[in-house]
N, C-alpha and C. Protein backbone atom coordinates (compact mmCIF):
# COMPACT_ATOMS: atom_id res chain seq x y z
N MET A 1 151.12 31.34 61.64
CA MET A 1 151.70 31.22 62.95
C MET A 1 151.64 32.58 63.63
N ALA A 2 151.04 32.62 64.80
CA ALA A 2 150.83 33.87 65.53
C ALA A 2 152.15 34.53 65.91
N ALA A 3 153.14 33.75 66.29
CA ALA A 3 154.44 34.32 66.69
C ALA A 3 155.08 35.05 65.53
N ARG A 4 154.99 34.48 64.34
CA ARG A 4 155.57 35.12 63.15
C ARG A 4 154.83 36.41 62.81
N GLU A 5 153.51 36.40 62.92
CA GLU A 5 152.72 37.61 62.64
C GLU A 5 153.05 38.70 63.65
N SER A 6 153.15 38.32 64.92
CA SER A 6 153.49 39.27 65.97
C SER A 6 154.86 39.88 65.73
N LEU A 7 155.80 39.06 65.33
CA LEU A 7 157.15 39.56 65.02
C LEU A 7 157.10 40.52 63.84
N GLY A 8 156.34 40.20 62.82
CA GLY A 8 156.22 41.08 61.65
C GLY A 8 155.66 42.45 62.01
N VAL A 9 154.65 42.46 62.86
CA VAL A 9 154.06 43.74 63.30
C VAL A 9 155.09 44.54 64.08
N LEU A 10 155.79 43.88 64.99
CA LEU A 10 156.80 44.57 65.78
C LEU A 10 157.93 45.11 64.90
N GLU A 11 158.34 44.34 63.90
CA GLU A 11 159.39 44.81 62.99
C GLU A 11 158.97 46.09 62.27
N GLU A 12 157.71 46.15 61.83
CA GLU A 12 157.20 47.36 61.17
C GLU A 12 157.20 48.54 62.13
N GLN A 13 156.78 48.30 63.38
CA GLN A 13 156.75 49.37 64.37
C GLN A 13 158.16 49.87 64.66
N VAL A 14 159.10 48.96 64.78
CA VAL A 14 160.49 49.35 65.08
C VAL A 14 161.06 50.20 63.95
N LEU A 15 160.73 49.88 62.71
CA LEU A 15 161.19 50.71 61.60
C LEU A 15 160.69 52.14 61.74
N VAL A 16 159.43 52.30 62.10
CA VAL A 16 158.84 53.63 62.28
C VAL A 16 159.52 54.34 63.45
N TRP A 17 159.70 53.60 64.55
CA TRP A 17 160.32 54.21 65.73
C TRP A 17 161.77 54.59 65.47
N ASN A 18 162.48 53.80 64.68
CA ASN A 18 163.86 54.15 64.34
C ASN A 18 163.91 55.44 63.53
N ASP A 19 162.96 55.62 62.62
CA ASP A 19 162.88 56.88 61.87
C ASP A 19 162.60 58.05 62.81
N ALA A 20 161.67 57.83 63.74
CA ALA A 20 161.34 58.88 64.71
C ALA A 20 162.55 59.18 65.59
N LEU A 21 163.31 58.15 65.94
CA LEU A 21 164.51 58.35 66.75
C LEU A 21 165.54 59.18 66.00
N ASP A 22 165.71 58.91 64.72
CA ASP A 22 166.64 59.71 63.91
C ASP A 22 166.21 61.17 63.88
N ASP A 23 164.90 61.40 63.70
CA ASP A 23 164.39 62.77 63.69
C ASP A 23 164.62 63.45 65.04
N ALA A 24 164.36 62.73 66.13
CA ALA A 24 164.56 63.29 67.47
C ALA A 24 166.03 63.60 67.72
N ARG A 25 166.91 62.75 67.23
CA ARG A 25 168.36 62.98 67.40
C ARG A 25 168.76 64.27 66.69
N ILE A 26 168.29 64.44 65.48
CA ILE A 26 168.62 65.65 64.72
C ILE A 26 168.06 66.89 65.41
N ARG A 27 166.80 66.81 65.88
CA ARG A 27 166.19 67.96 66.58
C ARG A 27 166.98 68.29 67.84
N SER A 28 167.43 67.26 68.56
CA SER A 28 168.17 67.53 69.80
C SER A 28 169.52 68.17 69.50
N LEU A 29 170.15 67.78 68.39
CA LEU A 29 171.43 68.36 68.02
C LEU A 29 171.27 69.81 67.56
N VAL A 30 170.23 70.06 66.78
CA VAL A 30 170.02 71.40 66.23
C VAL A 30 169.56 72.37 67.30
N SER A 31 168.63 71.95 68.14
CA SER A 31 168.05 72.87 69.12
C SER A 31 168.93 73.02 70.36
N GLU A 32 169.64 71.94 70.70
CA GLU A 32 170.50 71.93 71.88
C GLU A 32 169.74 72.34 73.15
N THR A 33 168.48 71.97 73.25
CA THR A 33 167.71 72.27 74.46
C THR A 33 167.57 71.00 75.29
N PRO A 34 167.48 71.15 76.60
CA PRO A 34 167.30 69.97 77.46
C PRO A 34 166.03 69.18 77.14
N LEU A 35 164.98 69.90 76.76
CA LEU A 35 163.72 69.22 76.45
C LEU A 35 163.88 68.30 75.24
N GLN A 36 164.53 68.77 74.20
CA GLN A 36 164.74 67.95 73.01
C GLN A 36 165.65 66.77 73.33
N GLN A 37 166.65 67.00 74.14
CA GLN A 37 167.55 65.91 74.54
C GLN A 37 166.80 64.87 75.37
N GLN A 38 165.92 65.33 76.24
CA GLN A 38 165.12 64.41 77.06
C GLN A 38 164.19 63.58 76.17
N GLU A 39 163.57 64.24 75.18
CA GLU A 39 162.70 63.53 74.25
C GLU A 39 163.48 62.45 73.51
N TYR A 40 164.67 62.81 73.06
CA TYR A 40 165.52 61.84 72.36
C TYR A 40 165.89 60.68 73.29
N ASN A 41 166.28 60.97 74.51
CA ASN A 41 166.67 59.92 75.45
C ASN A 41 165.51 58.97 75.75
N GLU A 42 164.32 59.52 75.95
CA GLU A 42 163.15 58.67 76.23
C GLU A 42 162.82 57.79 75.03
N LEU A 43 162.84 58.36 73.85
CA LEU A 43 162.56 57.59 72.65
C LEU A 43 163.64 56.54 72.42
N SER A 44 164.87 56.90 72.72
CA SER A 44 165.97 55.96 72.57
C SER A 44 165.78 54.74 73.47
N ARG A 45 165.37 54.96 74.71
CA ARG A 45 165.10 53.83 75.62
C ARG A 45 163.95 52.97 75.10
N HIS A 46 162.94 53.63 74.58
CA HIS A 46 161.78 52.92 74.05
C HIS A 46 162.19 52.04 72.86
N VAL A 47 162.98 52.61 71.97
CA VAL A 47 163.43 51.86 70.79
C VAL A 47 164.35 50.72 71.20
N ALA A 48 165.20 50.94 72.18
CA ALA A 48 166.08 49.87 72.66
C ALA A 48 165.26 48.71 73.24
N ALA A 49 164.22 49.03 74.00
CA ALA A 49 163.35 47.99 74.56
C ALA A 49 162.62 47.25 73.44
N ALA A 50 162.15 47.99 72.43
CA ALA A 50 161.45 47.36 71.31
C ALA A 50 162.39 46.45 70.52
N ASN A 51 163.64 46.89 70.34
CA ASN A 51 164.61 46.06 69.64
C ASN A 51 164.91 44.78 70.42
N ALA A 52 165.00 44.89 71.75
CA ALA A 52 165.23 43.71 72.58
C ALA A 52 164.06 42.74 72.48
N GLU A 53 162.84 43.28 72.48
CA GLU A 53 161.66 42.43 72.34
C GLU A 53 161.61 41.79 70.96
N MET A 54 162.02 42.53 69.94
CA MET A 54 162.04 41.98 68.59
C MET A 54 163.04 40.82 68.52
N GLN A 55 164.18 40.97 69.16
CA GLN A 55 165.17 39.89 69.19
C GLN A 55 164.60 38.67 69.92
N ARG A 56 163.90 38.91 71.03
CA ARG A 56 163.30 37.81 71.79
C ARG A 56 162.27 37.06 70.94
N ARG A 57 161.42 37.83 70.27
CA ARG A 57 160.39 37.20 69.43
C ARG A 57 161.00 36.48 68.24
N SER A 58 162.04 37.04 67.68
CA SER A 58 162.72 36.40 66.57
C SER A 58 163.29 35.06 67.00
N GLN A 59 163.89 35.02 68.17
CA GLN A 59 164.43 33.77 68.71
C GLN A 59 163.30 32.77 68.97
N GLU A 60 162.17 33.27 69.46
CA GLU A 60 161.02 32.40 69.70
C GLU A 60 160.53 31.77 68.39
N VAL A 61 160.46 32.57 67.34
CA VAL A 61 160.03 32.05 66.04
C VAL A 61 161.01 31.00 65.53
N ARG A 62 162.31 31.29 65.65
CA ARG A 62 163.30 30.31 65.22
C ARG A 62 163.18 29.01 66.01
N SER A 63 162.96 29.13 67.31
CA SER A 63 162.82 27.95 68.16
C SER A 63 161.58 27.14 67.77
N LEU A 64 160.48 27.82 67.53
CA LEU A 64 159.26 27.12 67.13
C LEU A 64 159.44 26.43 65.77
N MET A 65 160.12 27.09 64.86
CA MET A 65 160.35 26.48 63.55
C MET A 65 161.28 25.28 63.67
N ASP A 66 162.30 25.36 64.51
CA ASP A 66 163.18 24.22 64.74
C ASP A 66 162.41 23.05 65.33
N GLU A 67 161.55 23.36 66.29
CA GLU A 67 160.74 22.31 66.92
C GLU A 67 159.80 21.67 65.89
N ARG A 68 159.18 22.49 65.06
CA ARG A 68 158.31 21.98 64.01
C ARG A 68 159.07 21.07 63.06
N ASP A 69 160.24 21.52 62.64
CA ASP A 69 161.05 20.73 61.72
C ASP A 69 161.45 19.39 62.33
N GLU A 70 161.79 19.40 63.61
CA GLU A 70 162.16 18.16 64.30
C GLU A 70 160.95 17.21 64.35
N LEU A 71 159.79 17.74 64.66
CA LEU A 71 158.58 16.90 64.69
C LEU A 71 158.28 16.33 63.31
N LEU A 72 158.48 17.12 62.27
CA LEU A 72 158.24 16.62 60.92
C LEU A 72 159.23 15.53 60.53
N ARG A 73 160.46 15.66 60.99
CA ARG A 73 161.45 14.61 60.70
C ARG A 73 161.09 13.30 61.40
N GLU A 74 160.51 13.40 62.59
CA GLU A 74 160.17 12.21 63.37
C GLU A 74 158.83 11.60 62.96
N TRP A 75 158.01 12.35 62.25
CA TRP A 75 156.66 11.92 61.91
C TRP A 75 156.69 10.77 60.91
N LYS A 76 155.91 9.77 61.21
CA LYS A 76 155.75 8.62 60.32
C LYS A 76 154.29 8.57 59.87
N PRO A 77 154.06 8.73 58.58
CA PRO A 77 152.66 8.69 58.11
C PRO A 77 152.07 7.31 58.32
N ARG A 78 150.80 7.30 58.60
CA ARG A 78 150.09 6.02 58.77
C ARG A 78 149.74 5.43 57.42
N ASP A 79 149.72 4.11 57.39
CA ASP A 79 149.27 3.47 56.14
C ASP A 79 147.75 3.35 56.19
N GLU A 80 147.20 2.67 55.22
CA GLU A 80 145.74 2.53 55.13
C GLU A 80 145.14 1.77 56.30
N HIS A 81 145.94 1.01 57.02
CA HIS A 81 145.42 0.17 58.10
C HIS A 81 145.68 0.77 59.47
N GLY A 82 146.10 2.02 59.54
CA GLY A 82 146.25 2.70 60.82
C GLY A 82 147.61 2.72 61.32
C-alpha cells in the first residue's frame, strides 16, 4: 500500500529531524547567539510541519485500512456458478 510506505518514509525522516532539532536546541543554548536561535526556530517549524503531515498520513492509513476491512466484511465469494 503506497500510503503505508509513504508514512514509513516520513516517520524515518521525522526521527532524523527530531535528532537534528535536539542538536540545534543544544547549540542554541550553548552559543546563545541569535543565529543559532534562528536555526533552531526554523528547524522547529519544519519538524512541527512534518509531525502534522505524519499525523495526517497516519490517519489516512487508518481510514484506508478501516475501509478495506469493511469491504472484506461485506464481500461474498462467488460459487462455481458465478
